[in-house]
All heavy atoms as atom14 arrays in JSON, in Angstrom:
{
  "sequence": "TLSCAASGDTFSIYLMGWYRQAPGKQRELVARIA",
  "atom14_mask": [
    [1, 1, 1, 1, 1, 1, 1, 0, 0, 0, 0, 0, 0, 0],
    [1, 1, 1, 1, 1, 1, 1, 1, 0, 0, 0, 0, 0, 0],
    [1, 1, 1, 1, 1, 1, 0, 0, 0, 0, 0, 0, 0, 0],
    [1, 1, 1, 1, 1, 1, 0, 0, 0, 0, 0, 0, 0, 0],
    [1, 1, 1, 1, 1, 0, 0, 0, 0, 0, 0, 0, 0, 0],
    [1, 1, 1, 1, 1, 0, 0, 0, 0, 0, 0, 0, 0, 0],
    [1, 1, 1, 1, 1, 1, 0, 0, 0, 0, 0, 0, 0, 0],
    [1, 1, 1, 1, 0, 0, 0, 0, 0, 0, 0, 0, 0, 0],
    [1, 1, 1, 1, 1, 1, 1, 1, 0, 0, 0, 0, 0, 0],
    [1, 1, 1, 1, 1, 1, 1, 0, 0, 0, 0, 0, 0, 0],
    [1, 1, 1, 1, 1, 1, 1, 1, 1, 1, 1, 0, 0, 0],
    [1, 1, 1, 1, 1, 1, 0, 0, 0, 0, 0, 0, 0, 0],
    [1, 1, 1, 1, 1, 1, 1, 1, 0, 0, 0, 0, 0, 0],
    [1, 1, 1, 1, 1, 1, 1, 1, 1, 1, 1, 1, 0, 0],
    [1, 1, 1, 1, 1, 1, 1, 1, 0, 0, 0, 0, 0, 0],
    [1, 1, 1, 1, 1, 1, 1, 1, 0, 0, 0, 0, 0, 0],
    [1, 1, 1, 1, 0, 0, 0, 0, 0, 0, 0, 0, 0, 0],
    [1, 1, 1, 1, 1, 1, 1, 1, 1, 1, 1, 1, 1, 1],
    [1, 1, 1, 1, 1, 1, 1, 1, 1, 1, 1, 1, 0, 0],
    [1, 1, 1, 1, 1, 1, 1, 1, 1, 1, 1, 0, 0, 0],
    [1, 1, 1, 1, 1, 1, 1, 1, 1, 0, 0, 0, 0, 0],
    [1, 1, 1, 1, 1, 0, 0, 0, 0, 0, 0, 0, 0, 0],
    [1, 1, 1, 1, 1, 1, 1, 0, 0, 0, 0, 0, 0, 0],
    [1, 1, 1, 1, 0, 0, 0, 0, 0, 0, 0, 0, 0, 0],
    [1, 1, 1, 1, 1, 1, 1, 1, 1, 0, 0, 0, 0, 0],
    [1, 1, 1, 1, 1, 1, 1, 1, 1, 0, 0, 0, 0, 0],
    [1, 1, 1, 1, 1, 1, 1, 1, 1, 1, 1, 0, 0, 0],
    [1, 1, 1, 1, 1, 1, 1, 1, 1, 0, 0, 0, 0, 0],
    [1, 1, 1, 1, 1, 1, 1, 1, 0, 0, 0, 0, 0, 0],
    [1, 1, 1, 1, 1, 1, 1, 0, 0, 0, 0, 0, 0, 0],
    [1, 1, 1, 1, 1, 0, 0, 0, 0, 0, 0, 0, 0, 0],
    [1, 1, 1, 1, 1, 1, 1, 1, 1, 1, 1, 0, 0, 0],
    [1, 1, 1, 1, 1, 1, 1, 1, 0, 0, 0, 0, 0, 0],
    [1, 1, 1, 1, 1, 0, 0, 0, 0, 0, 0, 0, 0, 0]
  ],
  "atom14_positions": [
    [[-2.89, 2.54, 14.18], [-2.39, 1.35, 13.39], [-3.31, 1.09, 12.35], [-4.54, 0.89, 12.52], [-2.21, 0.19, 14.32], [-1.27, 0.45, 15.37], [-1.72, -1.06, 13.48], [0.0, 0.0, 0.0], [0.0, 0.0, 0.0], [0.0, 0.0, 0.0], [0.0, 0.0, 0.0], [0.0, 0.0, 0.0], [0.0, 0.0, 0.0], [0.0, 0.0, 0.0]],
    [[-2.86, 1.11, 11.04], [-3.68, 0.77, 9.87], [-3.43, -0.75, 9.57], [-2.29, -1.27, 9.68], [-3.22, 1.63, 8.73], [-3.31, 3.14, 8.94], [-2.98, 3.87, 7.61], [-4.75, 3.55, 9.39], [0.0, 0.0, 0.0], [0.0, 0.0, 0.0], [0.0, 0.0, 0.0], [0.0, 0.0, 0.0], [0.0, 0.0, 0.0], [0.0, 0.0, 0.0]],
    [[-4.53, -1.36, 9.05], [-4.34, -2.77, 8.59], [-4.83, -2.89, 7.13], [-5.81, -2.17, 6.79], [-5.14, -3.73, 9.44], [-4.53, -3.75, 10.83], [0.0, 0.0, 0.0], [0.0, 0.0, 0.0], [0.0, 0.0, 0.0], [0.0, 0.0, 0.0], [0.0, 0.0, 0.0], [0.0, 0.0, 0.0], [0.0, 0.0, 0.0], [0.0, 0.0, 0.0]],
    [[-4.32, -3.82, 6.37], [-4.75, -4.0, 5.07], [-4.79, -5.54, 4.78], [-3.78, -6.21, 4.9], [-3.7, -3.32, 4.01], [-4.12, -3.74, 2.31], [0.0, 0.0, 0.0], [0.0, 0.0, 0.0], [0.0, 0.0, 0.0], [0.0, 0.0, 0.0], [0.0, 0.0, 0.0], [0.0, 0.0, 0.0], [0.0, 0.0, 0.0], [0.0, 0.0, 0.0]],
    [[-5.92, -5.99, 4.42], [-6.08, -7.37, 4.16], [-6.3, -7.64, 2.63], [-7.17, -6.93, 1.97], [-7.37, -7.91, 4.96], [0.0, 0.0, 0.0], [0.0, 0.0, 0.0], [0.0, 0.0, 0.0], [0.0, 0.0, 0.0], [0.0, 0.0, 0.0], [0.0, 0.0, 0.0], [0.0, 0.0, 0.0], [0.0, 0.0, 0.0], [0.0, 0.0, 0.0]],
    [[-5.55, -8.48, 2.15], [-5.61, -8.88, 0.69], [-6.38, -10.15, 0.47], [-6.28, -11.05, 1.25], [-4.22, -8.96, 0.12], [0.0, 0.0, 0.0], [0.0, 0.0, 0.0], [0.0, 0.0, 0.0], [0.0, 0.0, 0.0], [0.0, 0.0, 0.0], [0.0, 0.0, 0.0], [0.0, 0.0, 0.0], [0.0, 0.0, 0.0], [0.0, 0.0, 0.0]],
    [[-7.11, -10.18, -0.66], [-7.81, -11.4, -1.0], [-7.82, -11.48, -2.5], [-7.41, -10.6, -3.25], [-9.24, -11.26, -0.48], [-10.01, -10.25, -1.01], [0.0, 0.0, 0.0], [0.0, 0.0, 0.0], [0.0, 0.0, 0.0], [0.0, 0.0, 0.0], [0.0, 0.0, 0.0], [0.0, 0.0, 0.0], [0.0, 0.0, 0.0], [0.0, 0.0, 0.0]],
    [[-8.31, -12.64, -2.97], [-8.26, -12.97, -4.32], [-6.94, -13.76, -4.73], [-6.61, -14.68, -4.02], [0.0, 0.0, 0.0], [0.0, 0.0, 0.0], [0.0, 0.0, 0.0], [0.0, 0.0, 0.0], [0.0, 0.0, 0.0], [0.0, 0.0, 0.0], [0.0, 0.0, 0.0], [0.0, 0.0, 0.0], [0.0, 0.0, 0.0], [0.0, 0.0, 0.0]],
    [[-6.35, -13.33, -5.85], [-5.15, -14.01, -6.36], [-3.9, -13.53, -5.61], [-2.95, -12.96, -6.22], [-5.0, -13.79, -7.86], [-6.17, -14.38, -8.6], [-6.75, -15.36, -8.16], [-6.42, -13.85, -9.71], [0.0, 0.0, 0.0], [0.0, 0.0, 0.0], [0.0, 0.0, 0.0], [0.0, 0.0, 0.0], [0.0, 0.0, 0.0], [0.0, 0.0, 0.0]],
    [[-3.86, -13.76, -4.29], [-2.75, -13.25, -3.52], [-1.45, -13.93, -3.81], [-0.37, -13.43, -3.41], [-3.09, -13.37, -2.04], [-3.31, -14.84, -1.74], [-4.36, -12.62, -1.66], [0.0, 0.0, 0.0], [0.0, 0.0, 0.0], [0.0, 0.0, 0.0], [0.0, 0.0, 0.0], [0.0, 0.0, 0.0], [0.0, 0.0, 0.0], [0.0, 0.0, 0.0]],
    [[-1.41, -15.01, -4.47], [-0.15, -15.6, -4.81], [0.65, -14.75, -5.74], [1.88, -14.94, -5.84], [-0.46, -16.95, -5.57], [-1.04, -16.81, -6.91], [-0.33, -16.73, -8.09], [-2.48, -16.83, -6.98], [-0.97, -16.54, -9.34], [-3.15, -16.69, -8.18], [-2.36, -16.61, -9.42], [0.0, 0.0, 0.0], [0.0, 0.0, 0.0], [0.0, 0.0, 0.0]],
    [[-0.02, -13.79, -6.41], [0.76, -12.94, -7.34], [1.28, -11.78, -6.66], [1.93, -10.86, -7.39], [-0.22, -12.48, -8.5], [-1.29, -11.66, -8.0], [0.0, 0.0, 0.0], [0.0, 0.0, 0.0], [0.0, 0.0, 0.0], [0.0, 0.0, 0.0], [0.0, 0.0, 0.0], [0.0, 0.0, 0.0], [0.0, 0.0, 0.0], [0.0, 0.0, 0.0]],
    [[1.15, -11.45, -5.38], [1.7, -10.36, -4.7], [3.14, -10.46, -4.5], [3.6, -11.51, -3.84], [0.92, -10.12, -3.32], [-0.57, -9.88, -3.57], [1.57, -8.98, -2.62], [-1.36, -9.75, -2.31], [0.0, 0.0, 0.0], [0.0, 0.0, 0.0], [0.0, 0.0, 0.0], [0.0, 0.0, 0.0], [0.0, 0.0, 0.0], [0.0, 0.0, 0.0]],
    [[3.89, -9.47, -4.88], [5.35, -9.38, -4.65], [5.66, -8.39, -3.52], [6.42, -8.85, -2.57], [6.0, -9.02, -5.95], [7.52, -8.77, -5.8], [8.32, -9.81, -5.36], [8.09, -7.57, -6.16], [9.66, -9.61, -5.24], [9.48, -7.39, -6.01], [10.22, -8.36, -5.52], [11.6, -8.16, -5.51], [0.0, 0.0, 0.0], [0.0, 0.0, 0.0]],
    [[5.18, -7.26, -3.58], [5.36, -6.21, -2.56], [4.03, -5.66, -2.05], [3.1, -5.74, -2.8], [6.19, -5.02, -3.12], [7.58, -5.29, -3.61], [8.09, -4.06, -4.3], [8.5, -5.68, -2.46], [0.0, 0.0, 0.0], [0.0, 0.0, 0.0], [0.0, 0.0, 0.0], [0.0, 0.0, 0.0], [0.0, 0.0, 0.0], [0.0, 0.0, 0.0]],
    [[3.93, -5.26, -0.85], [2.84, -4.53, -0.31], [3.34, -3.34, 0.42], [4.44, -3.28, 0.96], [2.05, -5.48, 0.71], [1.37, -6.63, -0.03], [0.13, -7.48, 1.04], [-1.17, -6.26, 1.12], [0.0, 0.0, 0.0], [0.0, 0.0, 0.0], [0.0, 0.0, 0.0], [0.0, 0.0, 0.0], [0.0, 0.0, 0.0], [0.0, 0.0, 0.0]],
    [[2.54, -2.25, 0.42], [2.93, -1.03, 1.04], [1.74, -0.12, 1.24], [0.64, -0.45, 0.96], [0.0, 0.0, 0.0], [0.0, 0.0, 0.0], [0.0, 0.0, 0.0], [0.0, 0.0, 0.0], [0.0, 0.0, 0.0], [0.0, 0.0, 0.0], [0.0, 0.0, 0.0], [0.0, 0.0, 0.0], [0.0, 0.0, 0.0], [0.0, 0.0, 0.0]],
    [[2.13, 1.07, 1.77], [1.19, 2.14, 2.01], [1.75, 3.41, 1.34], [2.87, 3.81, 1.39], [1.06, 2.36, 3.53], [0.47, 1.31, 4.28], [1.08, 0.25, 4.89], [-0.93, 1.14, 4.57], [0.13, -0.56, 5.5], [-1.09, -0.12, 5.31], [-2.09, 1.87, 4.24], [-2.32, -0.55, 5.76], [-3.36, 1.37, 4.57], [-3.38, 0.28, 5.44]],
    [[0.65, 4.12, 0.72], [0.89, 5.39, 0.11], [-0.09, 6.31, 0.83], [-1.08, 5.87, 1.48], [0.58, 5.4, -1.38], [1.55, 4.66, -2.24], [1.78, 3.27, -2.22], [2.51, 5.41, -3.01], [2.72, 2.67, -2.97], [3.48, 4.73, -3.84], [3.52, 3.37, -3.75], [4.46, 2.71, -4.56], [0.0, 0.0, 0.0], [0.0, 0.0, 0.0]],
    [[0.16, 7.59, 0.65], [-0.78, 8.61, 1.22], [-0.85, 9.71, 0.27], [0.06, 10.11, -0.49], [-0.39, 9.11, 2.6], [0.94, 9.91, 2.64], [1.31, 10.23, 4.11], [2.49, 11.0, 4.21], [3.14, 11.29, 5.34], [2.68, 10.88, 6.5], [4.12, 11.99, 5.36], [0.0, 0.0, 0.0], [0.0, 0.0, 0.0], [0.0, 0.0, 0.0]],
    [[-2.0, 10.51, 0.3], [-2.22, 11.65, -0.46], [-2.94, 12.73, 0.29], [-4.11, 12.49, 0.79], [-3.04, 11.28, -1.79], [-3.11, 12.49, -2.75], [-3.66, 12.08, -4.18], [-4.34, 10.93, -4.19], [-3.38, 12.81, -5.15], [0.0, 0.0, 0.0], [0.0, 0.0, 0.0], [0.0, 0.0, 0.0], [0.0, 0.0, 0.0], [0.0, 0.0, 0.0]],
    [[-2.27, 13.82, 0.45], [-2.81, 14.97, 1.21], [-3.48, 15.88, 0.21], [-3.12, 15.91, -1.04], [-1.73, 15.74, 1.99], [0.0, 0.0, 0.0], [0.0, 0.0, 0.0], [0.0, 0.0, 0.0], [0.0, 0.0, 0.0], [0.0, 0.0, 0.0], [0.0, 0.0, 0.0], [0.0, 0.0, 0.0], [0.0, 0.0, 0.0], [0.0, 0.0, 0.0]],
    [[-4.47, 16.78, 0.58], [-5.07, 17.67, -0.37], [-4.04, 18.54, -1.09], [-3.17, 19.1, -0.48], [-5.95, 18.58, 0.5], [-6.32, 17.66, 1.64], [-5.08, 16.9, 1.95], [0.0, 0.0, 0.0], [0.0, 0.0, 0.0], [0.0, 0.0, 0.0], [0.0, 0.0, 0.0], [0.0, 0.0, 0.0], [0.0, 0.0, 0.0], [0.0, 0.0, 0.0]],
    [[-4.15, 18.57, -2.47], [-3.25, 19.44, -3.23], [-1.85, 18.81, -3.49], [-1.05, 19.56, -4.01], [0.0, 0.0, 0.0], [0.0, 0.0, 0.0], [0.0, 0.0, 0.0], [0.0, 0.0, 0.0], [0.0, 0.0, 0.0], [0.0, 0.0, 0.0], [0.0, 0.0, 0.0], [0.0, 0.0, 0.0], [0.0, 0.0, 0.0], [0.0, 0.0, 0.0]],
    [[-1.63, 17.6, -3.03], [-0.3, 17.01, -3.29], [-0.43, 15.72, -3.96], [-1.49, 15.12, -4.05], [0.29, 16.8, -1.85], [0.76, 18.01, -1.02], [1.4, 17.67, 0.16], [1.96, 18.97, 0.86], [2.78, 18.55, 2.1], [0.0, 0.0, 0.0], [0.0, 0.0, 0.0], [0.0, 0.0, 0.0], [0.0, 0.0, 0.0], [0.0, 0.0, 0.0]],
    [[0.64, 15.27, -4.52], [0.82, 14.04, -5.2], [0.76, 12.87, -4.27], [1.26, 13.02, -3.11], [2.07, 14.01, -6.03], [2.06, 14.99, -7.21], [1.13, 14.55, -8.26], [0.08, 15.15, -8.5], [1.5, 13.46, -9.0], [0.0, 0.0, 0.0], [0.0, 0.0, 0.0], [0.0, 0.0, 0.0], [0.0, 0.0, 0.0], [0.0, 0.0, 0.0]],
    [[0.36, 11.72, -4.67], [0.38, 10.5, -3.86], [1.88, 10.11, -3.69], [2.58, 10.1, -4.6], [-0.43, 9.38, -4.5], [-0.54, 8.13, -3.61], [-1.56, 7.16, -4.25], [-2.84, 7.73, -4.36], [-3.95, 7.02, -4.83], [-3.76, 5.76, -5.21], [-5.08, 7.6, -5.01], [0.0, 0.0, 0.0], [0.0, 0.0, 0.0], [0.0, 0.0, 0.0]],
    [[2.22, 9.79, -2.37], [3.54, 9.41, -2.11], [3.64, 8.12, -1.3], [2.74, 7.78, -0.62], [4.23, 10.52, -1.28], [3.59, 10.8, 0.15], [4.35, 11.77, 0.99], [5.5, 12.23, 0.55], [3.82, 12.22, 2.04], [0.0, 0.0, 0.0], [0.0, 0.0, 0.0], [0.0, 0.0, 0.0], [0.0, 0.0, 0.0], [0.0, 0.0, 0.0]],
    [[4.79, 7.42, -1.57], [5.03, 6.17, -0.83], [5.41, 6.53, 0.6], [6.26, 7.39, 0.94], [6.27, 5.51, -1.5], [6.7, 4.2, -0.76], [5.69, 3.09, -0.84], [8.03, 3.72, -1.35], [0.0, 0.0, 0.0], [0.0, 0.0, 0.0], [0.0, 0.0, 0.0], [0.0, 0.0, 0.0], [0.0, 0.0, 0.0], [0.0, 0.0, 0.0]],
    [[4.76, 5.82, 1.49], [5.02, 5.91, 2.97], [5.96, 4.81, 3.48], [7.01, 5.07, 4.07], [3.76, 5.94, 3.76], [4.02, 5.97, 5.29], [2.86, 7.08, 3.37], [0.0, 0.0, 0.0], [0.0, 0.0, 0.0], [0.0, 0.0, 0.0], [0.0, 0.0, 0.0], [0.0, 0.0, 0.0], [0.0, 0.0, 0.0], [0.0, 0.0, 0.0]],
    [[5.64, 3.58, 3.18], [6.4, 2.4, 3.63], [6.05, 1.3, 2.64], [4.93, 1.19, 2.15], [6.13, 2.07, 5.0], [0.0, 0.0, 0.0], [0.0, 0.0, 0.0], [0.0, 0.0, 0.0], [0.0, 0.0, 0.0], [0.0, 0.0, 0.0], [0.0, 0.0, 0.0], [0.0, 0.0, 0.0], [0.0, 0.0, 0.0], [0.0, 0.0, 0.0]],
    [[7.03, 0.34, 2.5], [6.85, -0.79, 1.56], [7.58, -2.0, 2.28], [8.65, -1.76, 2.89], [7.45, -0.49, 0.24], [7.12, -1.55, -0.81], [7.54, -0.98, -2.21], [8.97, -0.77, -2.23], [9.59, 0.1, -3.12], [8.81, 0.72, -3.97], [10.89, 0.23, -3.12], [0.0, 0.0, 0.0], [0.0, 0.0, 0.0], [0.0, 0.0, 0.0]],
    [[7.01, -3.24, 2.04], [7.65, -4.42, 2.66], [7.5, -5.5, 1.61], [6.56, -5.68, 0.96], [7.03, -4.78, 3.95], [7.8, -5.91, 4.66], [5.57, -5.15, 3.72], [7.35, -6.17, 6.09], [0.0, 0.0, 0.0], [0.0, 0.0, 0.0], [0.0, 0.0, 0.0], [0.0, 0.0, 0.0], [0.0, 0.0, 0.0], [0.0, 0.0, 0.0]],
    [[8.65, -6.28, 1.52], [8.69, -7.5, 0.72], [8.64, -8.77, 1.62], [8.53, -8.64, 2.82], [9.93, -7.52, -0.13], [0.0, 0.0, 0.0], [0.0, 0.0, 0.0], [0.0, 0.0, 0.0], [0.0, 0.0, 0.0], [0.0, 0.0, 0.0], [0.0, 0.0, 0.0], [0.0, 0.0, 0.0], [0.0, 0.0, 0.0], [0.0, 0.0, 0.0]]
  ]
}
């Protein structure tokens, strides 16, 4: 289980999500939540 904590101007956040990048590959969207 991965966790991500946001700080700063968090009022401006619309979407949050996770991307991943494997060696030799482009960064890709894994999951997103509104």
